[in-house]
PDB file of N, CA and C in Angstrom:
ATOM      1  N   MET A   1      -0.990  -2.016  -3.073  1.00  0.00           N
ATOM      2  CA  MET A   1      -2.339  -2.144  -2.597  1.00  0.00           C
ATOM      3  C   MET A   1      -2.462  -1.333  -1.307  1.00  0.00           C
ATOM      4  N   ASP A   2      -3.644  -0.870  -1.008  1.00  0.00           N
ATOM      5  CA  ASP A   2      -3.851  -0.081   0.192  1.00  0.00           C
ATOM      6  C   ASP A   2      -4.087  -0.984   1.403  1.00  0.00           C
ATOM      7  N   ASP A   3      -4.468  -0.399   2.536  1.00  0.00           N
ATOM      8  CA  ASP A   3      -4.653  -1.160   3.766  1.00  0.00           C
ATOM      9  C   ASP A   3      -5.963  -1.931   3.831  1.00  0.00           C
ATOM     10  N   ALA A   4      -6.850  -1.764   2.874  1.00  0.00           N
ATOM     11  CA  ALA A   4      -8.107  -2.513   2.869  1.00  0.00           C
ATOM     12  C   ALA A   4      -7.810  -3.998   2.672  1.00  0.00           C
ATOM     13  N   GLU A   5      -8.715  -4.840   3.166  1.00  0.00           N
ATOM     14  CA  GLU A   5      -8.517  -6.274   3.008  1.00  0.00           C
ATOM     15  C   GLU A   5      -8.963  -6.712   1.614  1.00  0.00           C
ATOM     16  N   HIS A   6      -8.043  -7.248   0.857  1.00  0.00           N
ATOM     17  CA  HIS A   6      -8.332  -7.770  -0.480  1.00  0.00           C
ATOM     18  C   HIS A   6      -8.205  -9.278  -0.423  1.00  0.00           C
ATOM     19  N   TRP A   7      -9.065  -9.971  -1.122  1.00  0.00           N
ATOM     20  CA  TRP A   7      -8.982 -11.426  -1.123  1.00  0.00           C
ATOM     21  C   TRP A   7      -8.695 -12.003  -2.500  1.00  0.00           C
ATOM     22  N   SER A   8      -8.871 -11.195  -3.565  1.00  0.00           N
ATOM     23  CA  SER A   8      -8.549 -11.698  -4.898  1.00  0.00           C
ATOM     24  C   SER A   8      -8.302 -10.540  -5.856  1.00  0.00           C
ATOM     25  N   VAL A   9      -7.633 -10.877  -6.951  1.00  0.00           N
ATOM     26  CA  VAL A   9      -7.480  -9.952  -8.073  1.00  0.00           C
ATOM     27  C   VAL A   9      -7.923 -10.704  -9.313  1.00  0.00           C
ATOM     28  N   GLY A  10      -8.471  -9.988 -10.264  1.00  0.00           N
ATOM     29  CA  GLY A  10      -8.929 -10.606 -11.498  1.00  0.00           C
ATOM     30  C   GLY A  10      -8.323  -9.920 -12.700  1.00  0.00           C
ATOM     31  N   MET A  11      -8.193 -10.682 -13.773  1.00  0.00           N
ATOM     32  CA  MET A  11      -7.661 -10.139 -15.025  1.00  0.00           C
ATOM     33  C   MET A  11      -8.069 -11.061 -16.156  1.00  0.00           C
ATOM     34  N   ARG A  12      -7.954 -10.545 -17.354  1.00  0.00           N
ATOM     35  CA  ARG A  12      -8.163 -11.394 -18.530  1.00  0.00           C
ATOM     36  C   ARG A  12      -6.854 -12.125 -18.818  1.00  0.00           C
ATOM     37  N   CYS A  13      -6.971 -13.372 -19.197  1.00  0.00           N
ATOM     38  CA  CYS A  13      -5.782 -14.150 -19.529  1.00  0.00           C
ATOM     39  C   CYS A  13      -5.094 -13.507 -20.730  1.00  0.00           C
ATOM     40  N   PRO A  14      -3.787 -13.318 -20.665  1.00  0.00           N
ATOM     41  CA  PRO A  14      -3.081 -12.679 -21.775  1.00  0.00           C
ATOM     42  C   PRO A  14      -2.896 -13.576 -22.996  1.00  0.00           C
ATOM     43  N   CYS A  15      -3.401 -14.811 -22.958  1.00  0.00           N
ATOM     44  CA  CYS A  15      -3.246 -15.717 -24.096  1.00  0.00           C
ATOM     45  C   CYS A  15      -4.024 -15.249 -25.321  1.00  0.00           C
ATOM     46  N   GLY A  16      -5.041 -14.401 -25.096  1.00  0.00           N
ATOM     47  CA  GLY A  16      -5.809 -13.895 -26.223  1.00  0.00           C
ATOM     48  C   GLY A  16      -7.200 -14.482 -26.352  1.00  0.00           C
ATOM     49  N   PHE A  17      -7.522 -15.530 -25.607  1.00  0.00           N
ATOM     50  CA  PHE A  17      -8.848 -16.129 -25.691  1.00  0.00           C
ATOM     51  C   PHE A  17      -9.877 -15.402 -24.835  1.00  0.00           C
ATOM     52  N   GLY A  18      -9.447 -14.529 -23.941  1.00  0.00           N
ATOM     53  CA  GLY A  18     -10.367 -13.703 -23.170  1.00  0.00           C
ATOM     54  C   GLY A  18     -10.898 -14.298 -21.888  1.00  0.00           C
ATOM     55  N   ASP A  19     -10.382 -15.449 -21.460  1.00  0.00           N
ATOM     56  CA  ASP A  19     -10.831 -16.029 -20.196  1.00  0.00           C
ATOM     57  C   ASP A  19     -10.464 -15.110 -19.038  1.00  0.00           C
ATOM     58  N   THR A  20     -11.282 -15.136 -17.995  1.00  0.00           N
ATOM     59  CA  THR A  20     -11.003 -14.373 -16.796  1.00  0.00           C
ATOM     60  C   THR A  20     -10.234 -15.251 -15.817  1.00  0.00           C
ATOM     61  N   ILE A  21      -9.189 -14.688 -15.229  1.00  0.00           N
ATOM     62  CA  ILE A  21      -8.390 -15.379 -14.224  1.00  0.00           C
ATOM     63  C   ILE A  21      -8.611 -14.664 -12.904  1.00  0.00           C
ATOM     64  N   GLU A  22      -8.875 -15.429 -11.849  1.00  0.00           N
ATOM     65  CA  GLU A  22      -8.992 -14.862 -10.514  1.00  0.00           C
ATOM     66  C   GLU A  22      -7.883 -15.474  -9.658  1.00  0.00           C
ATOM     67  N   LEU A  23      -7.078 -14.617  -9.039  1.00  0.00           N
ATOM     68  CA  LEU A  23      -5.971 -15.057  -8.194  1.00  0.00           C
ATOM     69  C   LEU A  23      -6.260 -14.661  -6.756  1.00  0.00           C
ATOM     70  N   LEU A  24      -6.129 -15.613  -5.845  1.00  0.00           N
ATOM     71  CA  LEU A  24      -6.382 -15.343  -4.435  1.00  0.00           C
ATOM     72  C   LEU A  24      -5.169 -14.657  -3.805  1.00  0.00           C
ATOM     73  N   VAL A  25      -5.420 -13.592  -3.065  1.00  0.00           N
ATOM     74  CA  VAL A  25      -4.342 -12.843  -2.416  1.00  0.00           C
ATOM     75  C   VAL A  25      -4.515 -12.774  -0.895  1.00  0.00           C
ATOM     76  N   ALA A  26      -5.555 -13.376  -0.365  1.00  0.00           N
ATOM     77  CA  ALA A  26      -5.779 -13.387   1.086  1.00  0.00           C
ATOM     78  C   ALA A  26      -4.667 -14.192   1.763  1.00  0.00           C
ATOM     79  N   ALA A  27      -4.234 -13.739   2.914  1.00  0.00           N
ATOM     80  CA  ALA A  27      -3.117 -14.366   3.626  1.00  0.00           C
ATOM     81  C   ALA A  27      -3.343 -15.851   3.887  1.00  0.00           C
ATOM     82  N   GLU A  28      -4.577 -16.260   4.154  1.00  0.00           N
ATOM     83  CA  GLU A  28      -4.855 -17.656   4.488  1.00  0.00           C
ATOM     84  C   GLU A  28      -5.128 -18.534   3.265  1.00  0.00           C
ATOM     85  N   ALA A  29      -5.163 -17.972   2.068  1.00  0.00           N
ATOM     86  CA  ALA A  29      -5.488 -18.728   0.851  1.00  0.00           C
ATOM     87  C   ALA A  29      -4.329 -19.612   0.408  1.00  0.00           C
ATOM     88  N   LYS A  30      -4.687 -20.743  -0.193  1.00  0.00           N
ATOM     89  CA  LYS A  30      -3.697 -21.634  -0.805  1.00  0.00           C
ATOM     90  C   LYS A  30      -4.313 -22.183  -2.076  1.00  0.00           C
ATOM     91  N   PRO A  31      -3.752 -22.017  -3.240  1.00  0.00           N
ATOM     92  CA  PRO A  31      -2.550 -21.214  -3.482  1.00  0.00           C
ATOM     93  C   PRO A  31      -2.831 -19.722  -3.287  1.00  0.00           C
ATOM     94  N   ARG A  32      -1.759 -18.956  -3.175  1.00  0.00           N
ATOM     95  CA  ARG A  32      -1.862 -17.538  -2.879  1.00  0.00           C
ATOM     96  C   ARG A  32      -0.830 -16.766  -3.696  1.00  0.00           C
ATOM     97  N   TRP A  33      -1.222 -15.586  -4.156  1.00  0.00           N
ATOM     98  CA  TRP A  33      -0.333 -14.713  -4.906  1.00  0.00           C
ATOM     99  C   TRP A  33      -0.131 -13.400  -4.153  1.00  0.00           C
ATOM    100  N   ASP A  34       1.015 -12.787  -4.367  1.00  0.00           N
ATOM    101  CA  ASP A  34       1.295 -11.449  -3.842  1.00  0.00           C
ATOM    102  C   ASP A  34       1.260 -10.477  -5.009  1.00  0.00           C
ATOM    103  N   VAL A  35       0.656  -9.339  -4.785  1.00  0.00           N
ATOM    104  CA  VAL A  35       0.601  -8.291  -5.804  1.00  0.00           C
ATOM    105  C   VAL A  35       1.254  -7.049  -5.216  1.00  0.00           C
ATOM    106  N   THR A  36       2.215  -6.507  -5.941  1.00  0.00           N
ATOM    107  CA  THR A  36       2.821  -5.239  -5.550  1.00  0.00           C
ATOM    108  C   THR A  36       2.618  -4.254  -6.694  1.00  0.00           C
ATOM    109  N   ILE A  37       2.522  -2.991  -6.344  1.00  0.00           N
ATOM    110  CA  ILE A  37       2.341  -1.923  -7.318  1.00  0.00           C
ATOM    111  C   ILE A  37       3.506  -0.963  -7.145  1.00  0.00           C
ATOM    112  N   ASP A  38       4.244  -0.699  -8.228  1.00  0.00           N
ATOM    113  CA  ASP A  38       5.387   0.211  -8.116  1.00  0.00           C
ATOM    114  C   ASP A  38       4.945   1.669  -8.210  1.00  0.00           C
ATOM    115  N   GLU A  39       5.892   2.567  -8.135  1.00  0.00           N
ATOM    116  CA  GLU A  39       5.593   4.001  -8.122  1.00  0.00           C
ATOM    117  C   GLU A  39       4.944   4.488  -9.418  1.00  0.00           C
ATOM    118  N   ALA A  40       5.112   3.745 -10.505  1.00  0.00           N
ATOM    119  CA  ALA A  40       4.472   4.086 -11.781  1.00  0.00           C
ATOM    120  C   ALA A  40       3.132   3.358 -11.942  1.00  0.00           C
ATOM    121  N   HIS A  41       2.623   2.752 -10.854  1.00  0.00           N
ATOM    122  CA  HIS A  41       1.338   2.052 -10.828  1.00  0.00           C
ATOM    123  C   HIS A  41       1.327   0.790 -11.691  1.00  0.00           C
ATOM    124  N   ARG A  42       2.490   0.145 -11.829  1.00  0.00           N
ATOM    125  CA  ARG A  42       2.587  -1.095 -12.601  1.00  0.00           C
ATOM    126  C   ARG A  42       2.560  -2.284 -11.651  1.00  0.00           C
ATOM    127  N   PRO A  43       1.648  -3.248 -11.877  1.00  0.00           N
ATOM    128  CA  PRO A  43       1.567  -4.399 -10.980  1.00  0.00           C
ATOM    129  C   PRO A  43       2.617  -5.464 -11.277  1.00  0.00           C
ATOM    130  N   THR A  44       3.044  -6.126 -10.217  1.00  0.00           N
ATOM    131  CA  THR A  44       3.870  -7.321 -10.300  1.00  0.00           C
ATOM    132  C   THR A  44       3.155  -8.388  -9.490  1.00  0.00           C
ATOM    133  N   ILE A  45       3.069  -9.600 -10.042  1.00  0.00           N
ATOM    134  CA  ILE A  45       2.389 -10.709  -9.375  1.00  0.00           C
ATOM    135  C   ILE A  45       3.414 -11.811  -9.144  1.00  0.00           C
ATOM    136  N   HIS A  46       3.396 -12.349  -7.916  1.00  0.00           N
ATOM    137  CA  HIS A  46       4.330 -13.416  -7.564  1.00  0.00           C
ATOM    138  C   HIS A  46       3.572 -14.476  -6.784  1.00  0.00           C
ATOM    139  N   PRO A  47       3.717 -15.733  -7.044  1.00  0.00           N
ATOM    140  CA  PRO A  47       4.566 -16.362  -8.058  1.00  0.00           C
ATOM    141  C   PRO A  47       3.938 -16.289  -9.448  1.00  0.00           C
ATOM    142  N   SER A  48       4.455 -17.079 -10.357  1.00  0.00           N
ATOM    143  CA  SER A  48       3.928 -17.088 -11.717  1.00  0.00           C
ATOM    144  C   SER A  48       2.491 -17.611 -11.732  1.00  0.00           C
ATOM    145  N   VAL A  49       1.816 -17.375 -12.842  1.00  0.00           N
ATOM    146  CA  VAL A  49       0.446 -17.858 -13.043  1.00  0.00           C
ATOM    147  C   VAL A  49       0.521 -19.019 -14.026  1.00  0.00           C
ATOM    148  N   ARG A  50       0.034 -20.169 -13.595  1.00  0.00           N
ATOM    149  CA  ARG A  50       0.030 -21.346 -14.457  1.00  0.00           C
ATOM    150  C   ARG A  50      -1.382 -21.900 -14.501  1.00  0.00           C
ATOM    151  N   ARG A  51      -1.989 -21.817 -15.668  1.00  0.00           N
ATOM    152  CA  ARG A  51      -3.369 -22.289 -15.824  1.00  0.00           C
ATOM    153  C   ARG A  51      -3.374 -23.794 -16.042  1.00  0.00           C
ATOM    154  N   GLN A  52      -4.167 -24.488 -15.251  1.00  0.00           N
ATOM    155  CA  GLN A  52      -4.278 -25.940 -15.358  1.00  0.00           C
ATOM    156  C   GLN A  52      -5.371 -26.361 -16.332  1.00  0.00           C
ATOM    157  N   LYS A  53      -6.285 -25.420 -16.656  1.00  0.00           N
ATOM    158  CA  LYS A  53      -7.393 -25.693 -17.577  1.00  0.00           C
ATOM    159  C   LYS A  53      -7.324 -24.707 -18.733  1.00  0.00           C
ATOM    160  N   GLY A  54      -8.192 -24.908 -19.698  1.00  0.00           N
ATOM    161  CA  GLY A  54      -8.276 -23.955 -20.808  1.00  0.00           C
ATOM    162  C   GLY A  54      -6.988 -23.922 -21.619  1.00  0.00           C
ATOM    163  N   CYS A  55      -6.404 -22.751 -21.744  1.00  0.00           N
ATOM    164  CA  CYS A  55      -5.235 -22.566 -22.610  1.00  0.00           C
ATOM    165  C   CYS A  55      -3.950 -23.157 -22.021  1.00  0.00           C
ATOM    166  N   ARG A  56      -3.946 -23.472 -20.718  1.00  0.00           N
ATOM    167  CA  ARG A  56      -2.806 -24.074 -20.025  1.00  0.00           C
ATOM    168  C   ARG A  56      -1.534 -23.226 -20.135  1.00  0.00           C
ATOM    169  N   THR A  57      -1.713 -21.929 -20.199  1.00  0.00           N
ATOM    170  CA  THR A  57      -0.587 -21.019 -20.328  1.00  0.00           C
ATOM    171  C   THR A  57       0.134 -20.844 -18.992  1.00  0.00           C
ATOM    172  N   HIS A  58       1.373 -20.388 -19.053  1.00  0.00           N
ATOM    173  CA  HIS A  58       2.202 -20.175 -17.868  1.00  0.00           C
ATOM    174  C   HIS A  58       2.976 -18.876 -18.075  1.00  0.00           C
ATOM    175  N   PHE A  59       2.847 -17.936 -17.136  1.00  0.00           N
ATOM    176  CA  PHE A  59       3.480 -16.634 -17.325  1.00  0.00           C
ATOM    177  C   PHE A  59       3.714 -15.932 -15.995  1.00  0.00           C
ATOM    178  N   TRP A  60       4.579 -14.927 -16.030  1.00  0.00           N
ATOM    179  CA  TRP A  60       4.833 -13.999 -14.926  1.00  0.00           C
ATOM    180  C   TRP A  60       4.301 -12.635 -15.338  1.00  0.00           C
ATOM    181  N   ILE A  61       3.910 -11.836 -14.380  1.00  0.00           N
ATOM    182  CA  ILE A  61       3.614 -10.427 -14.648  1.00  0.00           C
ATOM    183  C   ILE A  61       4.576  -9.620 -13.792  1.00  0.00           C
ATOM    184  N   ARG A  62       5.425  -8.864 -14.460  1.00  0.00           N
ATOM    185  CA  ARG A  62       6.397  -8.006 -13.782  1.00  0.00           C
ATOM    186  C   ARG A  62       6.307  -6.609 -14.370  1.00  0.00           C
ATOM    187  N   ARG A  63       6.007  -5.665 -13.493  1.00  0.00           N
ATOM    188  CA  ARG A  63       5.873  -4.260 -13.905  1.00  0.00           C
ATOM    189  C   ARG A  63       4.935  -4.116 -15.103  1.00  0.00           C
ATOM    190  N   ARG A  64       3.791  -4.767 -14.996  1.00  0.00           N
ATOM    191  CA  ARG A  64       2.698  -4.742 -15.974  1.00  0.00           C
ATOM    192  C   ARG A  64       2.972  -5.520 -17.252  1.00  0.00           C
ATOM    193  N   ARG A  65       4.158  -6.054 -17.423  1.00  0.00           N
ATOM    194  CA  ARG A  65       4.489  -6.808 -18.635  1.00  0.00           C
ATOM    195  C   ARG A  65       4.331  -8.309 -18.397  1.00  0.00           C
ATOM    196  N   VAL A  66       3.856  -8.989 -19.432  1.00  0.00           N
ATOM    197  CA  VAL A  66       3.717 -10.447 -19.373  1.00  0.00           C
ATOM    198  C   VAL A  66       5.019 -11.066 -19.869  1.00  0.00           C
ATOM    199  N   HIS A  67       5.545 -11.978 -19.075  1.00  0.00           N
ATOM    200  CA  HIS A  67       6.754 -12.736 -19.429  1.00  0.00           C
ATOM    201  C   HIS A  67       6.341 -14.194 -19.509  1.00  0.00           C
ATOM    202  N   TRP A  68       6.354 -14.752 -20.718  1.00  0.00           N
ATOM    203  CA  TRP A  68       5.893 -16.117 -20.950  1.00  0.00           C
ATOM    204  C   TRP A  68       6.936 -17.136 -20.506  1.00  0.00           C
ATOM    205  N   CYS A  69       6.484 -18.223 -19.927  1.00  0.00           N
ATOM    206  CA  CYS A  69       7.358 -19.351 -19.581  1.00  0.00           C
ATOM    207  C   CYS A  69       7.298 -20.356 -20.728  1.00  0.00           C
ATOM    208  N   LYS A  70       8.386 -21.027 -20.932  1.00  0.00           N
ATOM    209  CA  LYS A  70       8.422 -22.041 -22.003  1.00  0.00           C
ATOM    210  C   LYS A  70       7.838 -23.340 -21.538  1.00  0.00           C
TER     211      LYS A  70
END
């Protein structure tokens, strides 16, 4: 990410139902996620994403790939 102030990132849930997920990345937010972009422009999100509503899916995104939690 660049030096601009970002407060959230959004994406479609990878479960396939098409819900939009918004993750807070602002330093003062709780819960809060970190997003890093590698040299090939692939995002990594930390910590994992666990949906409490809807599909209730749980996953990591590392280098643009979804890694499902059991």
